[in-house]
N, C-alpha and C. Protein backbone atom coordinates (compact mmCIF):
# COMPACT_ATOMS: atom_id res chain seq x y z
N MET A 1 -46.47 26.96 44.15
CA MET A 1 -46.07 27.38 42.55
C MET A 1 -44.78 27.07 42.47
N THR A 2 -44.14 26.56 41.26
CA THR A 2 -42.84 26.66 40.99
C THR A 2 -42.46 28.00 40.24
N PRO A 3 -41.34 28.77 40.52
CA PRO A 3 -40.89 29.81 39.85
C PRO A 3 -40.67 29.58 38.36
N LEU A 4 -41.04 30.71 37.63
CA LEU A 4 -40.66 30.99 36.27
C LEU A 4 -39.49 30.90 35.83
N THR A 5 -38.66 30.25 34.92
CA THR A 5 -37.63 30.43 34.20
C THR A 5 -37.57 31.47 32.97
N THR A 6 -36.92 32.39 33.09
CA THR A 6 -37.13 33.27 31.95
C THR A 6 -35.88 32.88 30.89
N HIS A 7 -36.23 32.50 29.81
CA HIS A 7 -35.12 32.09 28.65
C HIS A 7 -34.99 33.19 27.97
N SER A 8 -33.53 33.33 27.41
CA SER A 8 -32.80 34.58 26.73
C SER A 8 -33.37 34.45 25.32
N GLN A 9 -33.64 35.65 24.88
CA GLN A 9 -34.21 35.70 23.53
C GLN A 9 -33.68 37.35 23.16
N ALA A 10 -33.40 37.58 21.84
CA ALA A 10 -32.76 38.79 21.26
C ALA A 10 -33.82 39.64 21.33
N ASP A 11 -34.98 39.25 20.91
CA ASP A 11 -36.36 40.00 20.59
C ASP A 11 -37.47 39.20 20.46
N ALA A 12 -38.73 39.84 20.47
CA ALA A 12 -39.54 38.99 20.36
C ALA A 12 -39.71 38.04 19.31
N TYR A 13 -39.00 38.20 18.20
CA TYR A 13 -39.27 37.21 17.14
C TYR A 13 -38.19 36.05 16.99
N ALA A 14 -37.42 36.35 17.85
CA ALA A 14 -36.01 35.23 17.66
C ALA A 14 -36.69 33.92 18.69
N SER A 15 -36.02 32.96 18.49
CA SER A 15 -36.30 31.60 19.19
C SER A 15 -35.41 31.44 20.29
N PRO A 16 -36.02 31.19 21.48
CA PRO A 16 -35.35 30.64 22.72
C PRO A 16 -34.20 29.29 22.42
N TRP A 17 -34.60 28.64 21.54
CA TRP A 17 -33.92 27.26 21.24
C TRP A 17 -32.61 27.64 20.57
N SER A 18 -31.61 26.54 20.86
CA SER A 18 -30.60 26.36 20.05
C SER A 18 -30.98 25.67 18.72
N THR A 19 -30.17 25.83 17.93
CA THR A 19 -30.59 25.18 16.34
C THR A 19 -30.68 23.72 16.51
N ARG A 20 -30.00 23.11 17.43
CA ARG A 20 -29.93 21.61 17.65
C ARG A 20 -31.57 21.41 18.14
N ARG A 21 -31.89 22.30 19.03
CA ARG A 21 -33.26 21.55 19.64
C ARG A 21 -34.19 22.30 18.69
N ARG A 22 -34.27 23.04 17.99
CA ARG A 22 -35.03 23.23 17.05
C ARG A 22 -35.05 21.83 15.71
N LEU A 23 -34.02 21.35 15.61
CA LEU A 23 -33.94 20.42 14.56
C LEU A 23 -34.50 19.18 15.25
N GLY A 24 -34.27 18.96 16.60
CA GLY A 24 -35.21 18.01 17.37
C GLY A 24 -36.59 18.10 17.44
N LEU A 25 -36.86 19.27 17.53
CA LEU A 25 -38.38 19.66 17.77
C LEU A 25 -38.95 19.10 16.14
N LEU A 26 -38.22 19.72 15.17
CA LEU A 26 -38.59 19.35 13.67
C LEU A 26 -38.94 17.76 13.45
N LEU A 27 -37.99 17.21 13.84
CA LEU A 27 -37.84 15.74 13.92
C LEU A 27 -39.30 15.11 14.56
N TRP A 28 -39.34 15.48 15.69
CA TRP A 28 -40.42 15.09 16.56
C TRP A 28 -41.71 15.38 15.88
N GLN A 29 -41.93 16.45 15.15
CA GLN A 29 -43.24 17.14 15.05
C GLN A 29 -43.67 16.19 13.73
N ILE A 30 -42.56 15.41 13.03
CA ILE A 30 -42.63 14.50 12.03
C ILE A 30 -42.96 13.08 12.50
N ALA A 31 -42.34 12.79 13.43
CA ALA A 31 -42.23 11.43 13.92
C ALA A 31 -43.36 10.82 14.42
N TRP A 32 -43.96 11.65 15.55
CA TRP A 32 -45.18 11.38 16.21
C TRP A 32 -46.25 11.12 15.46
N PRO A 33 -46.63 11.96 14.75
CA PRO A 33 -48.10 11.68 14.05
C PRO A 33 -47.83 10.63 12.96
N LEU A 34 -46.31 10.33 12.31
CA LEU A 34 -46.10 9.49 11.36
C LEU A 34 -46.28 7.95 12.14
N THR A 35 -45.49 7.87 13.14
CA THR A 35 -45.36 6.77 13.81
C THR A 35 -46.43 6.29 14.70
N CYS A 36 -47.02 7.28 15.35
CA CYS A 36 -47.99 6.80 16.69
C CYS A 36 -49.29 7.58 16.52
N GLY A 37 -49.36 8.55 15.83
CA GLY A 37 -50.65 9.19 15.82
C GLY A 37 -51.91 8.72 15.52
N TRP A 38 -51.51 7.68 14.49
CA TRP A 38 -52.87 6.96 13.99
C TRP A 38 -52.99 5.40 14.74
N THR A 39 -52.39 5.24 15.54
CA THR A 39 -52.04 3.85 16.08
C THR A 39 -53.35 3.64 17.14
N PRO A 40 -53.95 2.50 17.15
CA PRO A 40 -54.83 2.31 18.16
C PRO A 40 -54.52 2.01 19.63
N LYS A 41 -55.47 1.95 20.73
CA LYS A 41 -55.00 1.84 21.92
C LYS A 41 -54.25 1.06 22.20
N PRO A 42 -54.36 -0.43 21.93
CA PRO A 42 -53.35 -1.52 22.43
C PRO A 42 -51.93 -1.08 21.86
N ALA A 43 -51.59 -0.39 21.27
CA ALA A 43 -50.31 -0.41 20.57
C ALA A 43 -49.45 0.60 21.69
N ASN A 44 -49.94 0.77 22.81
CA ASN A 44 -49.37 1.83 23.97
C ASN A 44 -47.86 1.41 24.20
N ALA A 45 -47.38 0.06 24.12
CA ALA A 45 -46.12 -0.23 24.44
C ALA A 45 -45.17 0.53 23.37
N TRP A 46 -45.57 0.83 22.03
CA TRP A 46 -45.17 1.24 20.88
C TRP A 46 -44.84 2.53 21.26
N ARG A 47 -45.79 3.24 21.58
CA ARG A 47 -46.11 4.64 21.67
C ARG A 47 -45.04 4.95 22.74
N LEU A 48 -45.11 4.38 23.92
CA LEU A 48 -43.90 4.58 24.95
C LEU A 48 -42.27 4.29 24.52
N CYS A 49 -42.18 3.33 23.63
CA CYS A 49 -41.05 3.04 23.17
C CYS A 49 -40.19 4.18 22.51
N VAL A 50 -41.47 4.92 21.39
CA VAL A 50 -41.12 6.25 20.61
C VAL A 50 -40.72 7.19 21.66
N LEU A 51 -41.51 7.39 22.44
CA LEU A 51 -41.42 8.77 23.46
C LEU A 51 -39.66 8.55 24.36
N ARG A 52 -39.31 7.18 24.55
CA ARG A 52 -38.25 6.85 25.07
C ARG A 52 -37.27 7.48 24.13
N TRP A 53 -37.08 6.80 23.04
CA TRP A 53 -36.43 7.38 21.61
C TRP A 53 -36.06 8.82 21.59
N PHE A 54 -37.18 9.72 22.19
CA PHE A 54 -37.12 11.17 22.12
C PHE A 54 -36.75 11.72 23.32
N GLY A 55 -36.56 10.96 24.50
CA GLY A 55 -36.01 11.40 25.62
C GLY A 55 -36.74 11.64 26.92
N ALA A 56 -38.26 11.12 26.63
CA ALA A 56 -39.11 11.05 27.96
C ALA A 56 -38.79 9.95 28.87
N GLU A 57 -38.83 10.48 30.12
CA GLU A 57 -38.54 9.42 31.17
C GLU A 57 -39.98 8.94 31.34
N ILE A 58 -39.95 7.32 31.36
CA ILE A 58 -40.83 6.59 31.58
C ILE A 58 -40.52 5.47 32.66
N HIS A 59 -41.61 5.59 33.81
CA HIS A 59 -41.32 4.69 34.86
C HIS A 59 -42.45 3.58 34.78
N GLY A 60 -42.32 2.28 34.70
CA GLY A 60 -43.51 1.89 34.74
C GLY A 60 -44.34 1.48 33.62
N ARG A 61 -45.44 1.42 33.43
CA ARG A 61 -46.47 1.46 32.11
C ARG A 61 -47.43 2.46 32.30
N PRO A 62 -47.10 3.47 31.93
CA PRO A 62 -48.31 4.68 31.89
C PRO A 62 -48.73 4.41 30.32
N PHE A 63 -50.00 5.05 30.36
CA PHE A 63 -50.82 5.07 28.92
C PHE A 63 -50.69 6.48 28.28
N VAL A 64 -50.45 6.49 26.82
CA VAL A 64 -50.42 7.80 26.22
C VAL A 64 -51.11 7.72 25.12
N HIS A 65 -52.24 8.36 24.96
CA HIS A 65 -53.23 8.03 23.46
C HIS A 65 -52.43 8.26 22.51
N GLY A 66 -52.70 7.73 21.25
CA GLY A 66 -52.10 8.12 20.09
C GLY A 66 -52.22 9.73 19.61
N ARG A 67 -53.62 10.06 20.16
CA ARG A 67 -53.85 11.46 19.63
C ARG A 67 -53.71 12.54 20.60
N ALA A 68 -52.99 11.97 21.87
CA ALA A 68 -52.12 13.31 22.73
C ALA A 68 -51.14 13.98 21.93
N ARG A 69 -50.92 15.36 22.46
CA ARG A 69 -49.93 16.08 21.80
C ARG A 69 -49.02 16.29 22.96
N ILE A 70 -47.94 16.20 22.40
CA ILE A 70 -46.48 16.41 23.33
C ILE A 70 -45.61 17.39 22.75
N ALA A 71 -45.45 18.57 23.22
CA ALA A 71 -44.49 19.38 22.60
C ALA A 71 -43.03 19.17 22.59
N GLN A 72 -42.56 18.84 23.82
CA GLN A 72 -41.11 18.56 23.64
C GLN A 72 -41.25 17.18 24.91
N PRO A 73 -40.94 16.00 24.17
CA PRO A 73 -40.85 14.88 24.81
C PRO A 73 -39.92 14.55 26.01
N TRP A 74 -38.56 14.98 25.63
CA TRP A 74 -37.57 15.07 26.70
C TRP A 74 -37.74 15.97 27.93
N ASN A 75 -38.91 16.49 27.98
CA ASN A 75 -39.50 17.27 29.17
C ASN A 75 -40.54 16.75 29.85
N LEU A 76 -40.83 15.59 29.67
CA LEU A 76 -42.00 14.86 30.17
C LEU A 76 -41.58 13.68 30.79
N THR A 77 -42.05 13.69 32.10
CA THR A 77 -42.03 12.29 32.85
C THR A 77 -43.03 11.84 33.21
N LEU A 78 -43.48 10.46 32.92
CA LEU A 78 -44.52 9.55 33.13
C LEU A 78 -44.18 8.49 34.12
N HIS A 79 -44.99 8.30 35.20
CA HIS A 79 -44.89 7.22 36.12
C HIS A 79 -46.03 6.17 35.97
N ASP A 80 -45.68 5.13 36.67
CA ASP A 80 -46.57 4.01 36.60
C ASP A 80 -47.94 4.15 36.55
N ARG A 81 -49.01 3.87 35.46
CA ARG A 81 -50.32 3.92 35.18
C ARG A 81 -50.50 5.14 35.10
N ALA A 82 -49.98 6.36 35.03
CA ALA A 82 -50.35 7.78 34.60
C ALA A 82 -51.00 7.55 33.43
N CYS A 83 -51.93 8.33 32.90
CA CYS A 83 -52.46 8.38 31.68
C CYS A 83 -52.60 9.75 30.92
N LEU A 84 -52.37 9.79 29.87
CA LEU A 84 -52.57 11.08 28.87
C LEU A 84 -53.60 10.73 28.19
N GLY A 85 -54.55 11.30 28.14
CA GLY A 85 -55.70 10.93 27.35
C GLY A 85 -56.07 11.54 25.88
N GLU A 86 -56.98 11.21 25.05
CA GLU A 86 -57.07 11.57 23.87
C GLU A 86 -57.31 12.99 23.73
N GLY A 87 -56.48 13.68 22.83
CA GLY A 87 -56.44 14.97 22.67
C GLY A 87 -55.91 15.95 23.73
N ALA A 88 -55.29 15.23 24.93
CA ALA A 88 -54.62 15.92 26.00
C ALA A 88 -53.50 16.65 25.36
N VAL A 89 -53.09 18.00 25.89
CA VAL A 89 -52.04 18.20 25.42
C VAL A 89 -51.03 18.56 26.65
N ALA A 90 -49.66 17.84 26.47
CA ALA A 90 -48.51 18.31 27.25
C ALA A 90 -47.75 19.11 26.63
N TYR A 91 -48.12 20.48 26.75
CA TYR A 91 -47.20 21.89 26.16
C TYR A 91 -46.05 21.69 27.14
N SER A 92 -44.96 21.14 26.72
CA SER A 92 -43.85 20.73 27.78
C SER A 92 -42.82 21.61 27.13
N LEU A 93 -43.01 22.78 27.19
CA LEU A 93 -41.64 23.91 27.02
C LEU A 93 -40.66 23.74 28.19
N GLY A 94 -41.35 23.56 29.43
CA GLY A 94 -40.70 23.06 30.36
C GLY A 94 -41.16 22.16 31.19
N PRO A 95 -40.52 21.37 31.99
CA PRO A 95 -40.72 20.03 32.69
C PRO A 95 -42.41 19.87 32.94
N ILE A 96 -43.06 18.53 32.65
CA ILE A 96 -44.20 18.05 32.86
C ILE A 96 -43.94 16.99 33.63
N GLU A 97 -44.37 16.55 35.06
CA GLU A 97 -44.01 15.42 35.65
C GLU A 97 -45.61 14.80 36.08
N ILE A 98 -46.03 13.54 35.44
CA ILE A 98 -47.43 13.15 35.73
C ILE A 98 -47.29 11.80 36.59
N GLY A 99 -47.89 11.80 37.87
CA GLY A 99 -47.44 10.91 38.75
C GLY A 99 -48.38 9.51 38.75
N ALA A 100 -47.82 8.63 39.39
CA ALA A 100 -48.37 7.00 39.22
C ALA A 100 -49.96 7.40 39.30
N GLY A 101 -50.44 6.68 38.48
CA GLY A 101 -52.08 6.66 38.37
C GLY A 101 -52.76 7.71 38.14
N ALA A 102 -51.94 8.73 37.84
CA ALA A 102 -52.81 10.18 37.69
C ALA A 102 -53.21 10.27 36.12
N THR A 103 -54.51 10.62 35.79
CA THR A 103 -55.20 10.69 34.68
C THR A 103 -55.35 12.41 34.17
N ILE A 104 -54.88 12.54 32.91
CA ILE A 104 -55.36 13.86 32.33
C ILE A 104 -56.02 13.53 31.03
N ALA A 105 -57.37 13.85 31.38
CA ALA A 105 -58.63 13.46 30.81
C ALA A 105 -58.38 14.19 29.32
N GLN A 106 -59.59 14.12 28.28
CA GLN A 106 -59.43 14.37 27.18
C GLN A 106 -59.48 15.80 27.06
N GLU A 107 -58.35 16.36 26.04
CA GLU A 107 -58.39 17.49 25.75
C GLU A 107 -58.11 18.70 26.91
N ALA A 108 -57.37 17.92 28.01
CA ALA A 108 -56.84 18.72 28.87
C ALA A 108 -55.62 19.29 28.53
N TYR A 109 -55.28 20.66 29.01
CA TYR A 109 -54.09 21.19 28.86
C TYR A 109 -53.20 21.64 29.64
N LEU A 110 -51.96 21.14 29.61
CA LEU A 110 -51.07 21.44 30.75
C LEU A 110 -49.93 22.31 30.26
N CYS A 111 -50.12 23.48 30.48
CA CYS A 111 -49.17 24.60 29.85
C CYS A 111 -48.15 25.22 30.67
N THR A 112 -46.73 24.80 30.34
CA THR A 112 -45.73 25.25 30.83
C THR A 112 -45.11 26.51 30.67
N GLY A 113 -45.68 27.22 29.58
CA GLY A 113 -45.00 28.19 29.05
C GLY A 113 -45.86 29.48 29.00
N THR A 114 -45.18 30.62 28.94
CA THR A 114 -45.98 32.04 28.81
C THR A 114 -44.98 32.92 28.58
N HIS A 115 -45.10 34.18 28.69
CA HIS A 115 -43.96 35.23 28.25
C HIS A 115 -43.97 36.37 28.94
N ALA A 116 -42.80 37.14 29.24
CA ALA A 116 -42.52 38.20 30.11
C ALA A 116 -43.23 39.25 29.48
N PHE A 117 -44.42 39.58 29.53
CA PHE A 117 -45.10 40.57 28.76
C PHE A 117 -44.74 41.85 29.17
N SER A 118 -44.13 42.14 30.43
CA SER A 118 -43.57 43.38 30.40
C SER A 118 -42.18 44.12 29.76
N SER A 119 -41.90 43.18 29.20
CA SER A 119 -40.47 43.27 28.49
C SER A 119 -40.85 43.17 27.06
N PRO A 120 -39.94 44.52 26.10
CA PRO A 120 -40.30 44.42 24.79
C PRO A 120 -39.79 43.05 24.25
N ALA A 121 -38.99 42.33 24.63
CA ALA A 121 -38.81 40.99 23.96
C ALA A 121 -39.54 39.75 24.13
N LEU A 122 -40.32 40.20 24.75
CA LEU A 122 -41.48 39.04 25.44
C LEU A 122 -40.88 37.64 25.70
N GLU A 123 -40.07 37.62 26.43
CA GLU A 123 -38.97 36.23 26.74
C GLU A 123 -40.20 35.42 26.79
N LEU A 124 -39.66 33.93 26.39
CA LEU A 124 -40.28 32.88 26.82
C LEU A 124 -39.94 32.55 28.49
N GLN A 125 -41.04 32.29 29.28
CA GLN A 125 -40.84 31.89 30.69
C GLN A 125 -41.59 30.58 30.56
N THR A 126 -41.00 29.69 31.55
CA THR A 126 -41.46 28.15 31.70
C THR A 126 -41.27 27.99 33.25
N ALA A 127 -42.28 27.06 33.44
CA ALA A 127 -42.16 26.61 35.03
C ALA A 127 -42.78 24.90 34.86
N LEU A 128 -42.06 24.36 35.85
CA LEU A 128 -42.79 23.03 36.00
C LEU A 128 -44.06 22.75 36.29
N ILE A 129 -44.88 22.00 35.65
CA ILE A 129 -45.92 21.35 36.07
C ILE A 129 -45.98 19.89 36.82
N ARG A 130 -46.37 19.78 38.01
CA ARG A 130 -46.18 18.31 38.44
C ARG A 130 -47.86 18.03 38.97
N ILE A 131 -48.25 16.90 38.25
CA ILE A 131 -49.52 16.11 38.65
C ILE A 131 -49.31 15.01 39.65
N GLY A 132 -49.77 15.09 40.66
CA GLY A 132 -49.40 14.06 42.47
C GLY A 132 -50.09 12.83 41.63
N PRO A 133 -49.54 11.91 42.45
CA PRO A 133 -50.17 10.73 42.09
C PRO A 133 -51.82 10.35 42.41
N GLY A 134 -52.38 9.83 41.68
CA GLY A 134 -53.76 9.54 41.69
C GLY A 134 -54.66 10.38 41.43
N ALA A 135 -54.06 11.90 40.84
CA ALA A 135 -54.84 12.85 40.53
C ALA A 135 -55.50 12.74 39.28
N PHE A 136 -56.75 13.46 39.51
CA PHE A 136 -57.53 13.24 38.09
C PHE A 136 -57.73 14.77 37.42
N VAL A 137 -57.29 15.15 36.21
CA VAL A 137 -57.35 16.48 35.63
C VAL A 137 -58.46 16.27 34.46
N GLY A 138 -59.71 16.64 34.58
CA GLY A 138 -60.92 16.78 34.02
C GLY A 138 -60.53 17.33 32.55
N ALA A 139 -61.59 16.93 31.75
CA ALA A 139 -61.72 17.19 30.12
C ALA A 139 -61.57 18.69 30.12
N ARG A 140 -61.00 19.19 29.08
CA ARG A 140 -60.79 20.64 28.60
C ARG A 140 -60.41 21.71 29.94
N SER A 141 -59.49 20.99 31.16
CA SER A 141 -59.34 21.94 31.56
C SER A 141 -58.05 22.46 31.42
N PHE A 142 -57.32 23.32 31.88
CA PHE A 142 -56.51 24.29 31.78
C PHE A 142 -55.54 24.63 32.89
N ILE A 143 -53.92 23.79 33.09
CA ILE A 143 -53.29 24.17 34.19
C ILE A 143 -52.02 25.01 33.61
N LEU A 144 -52.12 26.06 34.52
CA LEU A 144 -51.05 27.33 34.07
C LEU A 144 -49.56 26.79 34.78
N PRO A 145 -48.58 27.61 34.22
CA PRO A 145 -47.25 27.04 34.29
C PRO A 145 -47.03 27.18 35.73
N GLY A 146 -46.04 26.28 36.25
CA GLY A 146 -46.10 26.24 37.72
C GLY A 146 -46.87 25.59 38.76
N VAL A 147 -47.79 25.28 38.18
CA VAL A 147 -48.91 24.59 39.43
C VAL A 147 -48.68 23.15 39.45
N GLU A 148 -48.75 22.83 40.65
CA GLU A 148 -48.71 21.50 41.32
C GLU A 148 -50.35 20.64 41.92
N ILE A 149 -50.68 20.01 40.98
CA ILE A 149 -51.91 19.23 41.60
C ILE A 149 -51.30 18.18 42.15
N GLY A 150 -52.04 18.22 43.80
CA GLY A 150 -51.41 17.15 44.92
C GLY A 150 -52.18 16.02 44.55
N ALA A 151 -51.64 15.20 45.29
CA ALA A 151 -51.95 13.59 45.05
C ALA A 151 -53.34 13.59 45.42
N ARG A 152 -54.30 12.84 44.44
CA ARG A 152 -55.72 12.29 44.76
C ARG A 152 -56.60 13.40 44.69
N ALA A 153 -56.20 14.60 44.22
CA ALA A 153 -56.79 16.10 43.71
C ALA A 153 -57.72 15.58 42.42
N VAL A 154 -58.84 16.49 42.20
CA VAL A 154 -59.78 16.39 41.30
C VAL A 154 -59.81 17.81 40.67
N VAL A 155 -59.48 17.92 39.22
CA VAL A 155 -59.91 19.08 38.70
C VAL A 155 -61.19 18.96 37.62
N GLY A 156 -62.02 19.72 38.09
CA GLY A 156 -63.37 19.37 37.23
C GLY A 156 -63.03 19.64 35.92
N ALA A 157 -64.05 19.37 35.06
CA ALA A 157 -63.85 19.72 33.45
C ALA A 157 -64.08 20.97 33.55
N ALA A 158 -63.09 21.70 32.36
CA ALA A 158 -62.75 22.96 31.82
C ALA A 158 -62.72 23.73 33.08
N ALA A 159 -61.96 23.51 33.71
CA ALA A 159 -61.54 24.34 35.03
C ALA A 159 -60.11 25.06 34.44
N VAL A 160 -60.04 26.14 34.97
CA VAL A 160 -58.78 26.84 34.77
C VAL A 160 -57.91 26.94 36.12
N VAL A 161 -56.73 26.39 36.31
CA VAL A 161 -56.19 25.96 37.52
C VAL A 161 -55.10 27.15 37.67
N THR A 162 -55.12 27.88 38.14
CA THR A 162 -53.89 29.27 38.28
C THR A 162 -52.97 29.17 39.73
N ARG A 163 -53.66 28.26 40.31
CA ARG A 163 -52.42 28.30 41.68
C ARG A 163 -52.55 26.47 42.15
N ASP A 164 -51.71 26.22 42.90
CA ASP A 164 -51.57 24.81 43.50
C ASP A 164 -52.92 24.29 44.03
N VAL A 165 -53.13 23.01 43.64
CA VAL A 165 -54.21 22.29 44.26
C VAL A 165 -53.59 21.41 45.59
N ALA A 166 -54.33 21.56 46.73
CA ALA A 166 -53.77 20.52 47.73
C ALA A 166 -54.32 19.35 47.70
N ALA A 167 -53.43 18.71 48.15
CA ALA A 167 -53.80 17.01 48.02
C ALA A 167 -55.42 16.65 48.48
N GLY A 168 -55.94 15.60 47.65
CA GLY A 168 -57.36 15.44 48.06
C GLY A 168 -58.37 16.35 47.49
N SER A 169 -58.06 17.62 47.18
CA SER A 169 -58.87 18.66 47.19
C SER A 169 -59.80 18.31 45.85
N VAL A 170 -60.75 19.21 45.62
CA VAL A 170 -61.70 18.93 44.66
C VAL A 170 -62.13 20.38 43.98
N VAL A 171 -61.53 20.65 42.87
CA VAL A 171 -61.82 22.14 42.65
C VAL A 171 -62.39 22.28 41.22
N ALA A 172 -62.97 23.45 40.68
CA ALA A 172 -63.76 23.49 39.48
C ALA A 172 -63.88 24.96 39.34
N GLY A 173 -64.09 25.39 38.14
CA GLY A 173 -64.54 26.85 37.77
C GLY A 173 -63.65 27.66 37.27
N ASN A 174 -63.43 28.71 36.88
CA ASN A 174 -62.69 29.76 36.19
C ASN A 174 -62.62 31.12 36.67
N PRO A 175 -61.69 31.42 37.78
CA PRO A 175 -60.63 30.33 38.01
C PRO A 175 -61.23 29.58 39.15
N ALA A 176 -60.18 28.10 39.09
CA ALA A 176 -60.72 27.01 39.86
C ALA A 176 -60.84 27.38 41.48
N ARG A 177 -61.75 27.06 42.04
CA ARG A 177 -61.84 26.92 43.61
C ARG A 177 -62.28 25.88 44.03
N VAL A 178 -62.03 25.71 45.41
CA VAL A 178 -62.22 24.28 46.03
C VAL A 178 -63.43 24.16 46.22
N LEU A 179 -64.20 22.95 45.97
CA LEU A 179 -65.56 22.73 46.09
C LEU A 179 -65.61 21.73 47.24
N GLY A 180 -64.80 20.98 47.49
CA GLY A 180 -64.79 19.84 48.33
C GLY A 180 -63.56 18.82 48.64
N HIS A 181 -63.72 17.82 49.11
CA HIS A 181 -62.42 16.74 49.32
C HIS A 181 -63.11 15.39 48.89
N ARG A 182 -62.02 14.86 48.50
CA ARG A 182 -62.32 13.37 47.96
C ARG A 182 -62.79 12.59 49.26
N ASP A 183 -62.42 13.01 50.49
CA ASP A 183 -62.87 11.97 51.88
C ASP A 183 -63.55 12.41 52.67
N ARG A 184 -64.35 14.00 52.33
CA ARG A 184 -65.29 14.40 52.81
C ARG A 184 -66.49 14.84 52.17
N PRO A 185 -67.79 15.01 52.87
CA PRO A 185 -68.91 15.71 52.14
C PRO A 185 -68.61 16.55 51.09
N ALA A 186 -69.26 16.52 50.01
CA ALA A 186 -69.35 17.95 49.29
C ALA A 186 -69.83 19.32 49.97
N THR A 187 -69.36 20.44 49.56
CA THR A 187 -70.04 21.39 50.10
C THR A 187 -71.28 21.88 49.51
N ALA A 188 -71.80 22.99 49.85
CA ALA A 188 -73.05 23.60 49.73
C ALA A 188 -73.42 23.65 48.22
N THR A 189 -72.31 23.70 47.30
CA THR A 189 -72.67 24.00 45.98
C THR A 189 -73.37 22.92 45.05
N GLY A 190 -73.25 21.43 45.91
CA GLY A 190 -73.76 20.24 45.38
C GLY A 190 -73.16 19.62 44.55
N PHE A 191 -71.69 20.07 44.41
CA PHE A 191 -70.66 19.13 43.74
C PHE A 191 -70.33 17.83 44.62
N ALA A 192 -70.71 16.72 43.79
CA ALA A 192 -70.63 15.58 44.49
C ALA A 192 -69.35 14.88 44.80
N SER A 193 -69.02 14.53 45.84
CA SER A 193 -67.72 13.74 46.24
C SER A 193 -67.46 12.62 45.20
N THR A 194 -66.42 12.44 45.01
CA THR A 194 -65.77 11.85 43.89
C THR A 194 -65.42 10.05 44.45
N GLY A 195 -65.39 10.25 45.78
CA GLY A 195 -64.90 8.90 46.26
C GLY A 195 -63.43 8.67 46.38
N SER A 196 -62.92 7.55 46.78
CA SER A 196 -61.34 6.97 46.35
C SER A 196 -61.39 5.97 45.59
N ARG A 197 -60.41 5.73 44.73
CA ARG A 197 -60.30 4.82 43.81
C ARG A 197 -59.54 3.82 44.65
N SER A 198 -58.58 4.18 45.52
CA SER A 198 -57.72 3.37 46.45
C SER A 198 -58.69 2.61 47.44
N GLY A 199 -59.92 3.07 47.66
CA GLY A 199 -60.74 2.86 48.96
C GLY A 199 -60.18 3.21 50.32
């Protein structure tokens, strides 16, 4: 788990962001739906271009669906063949890194932000989420701040992941627990092994 960073706020109603950052957010919230939100899948190169303009770090040729939602693109790093699917949310108040060949399926939610609930100011707290190469994050799953999903791991649909997932592990449930491994037979729960995309 990556440690949380606490952002300075005067009180619970104050923004932790500078005026410049808030202006950037406003521009982004207008630009993405206007220039990309309606685009068909084959327009991926255009969407990657827009993300680069707004500071996203793009390696190779990842795929970002037009209806994916990205909070702060300058906090997003995408590696070659990574996929951010339809309706997936990269709530990138802190950094998010999606490794080569990793898939974030429909409506999955990568949440880098929480609050210091023991403090009257409820300061924003953020932590890096890292998705390892070849990992698969299933539809409508929820990844908490600071979590690292290991290479080739599988997160089942609607799982809530509260801690790191080891490379190759298959997890599901709320909270997510290990059910098997991609290279070994499934456990007695009956959860089928997914096999390996790379052979």
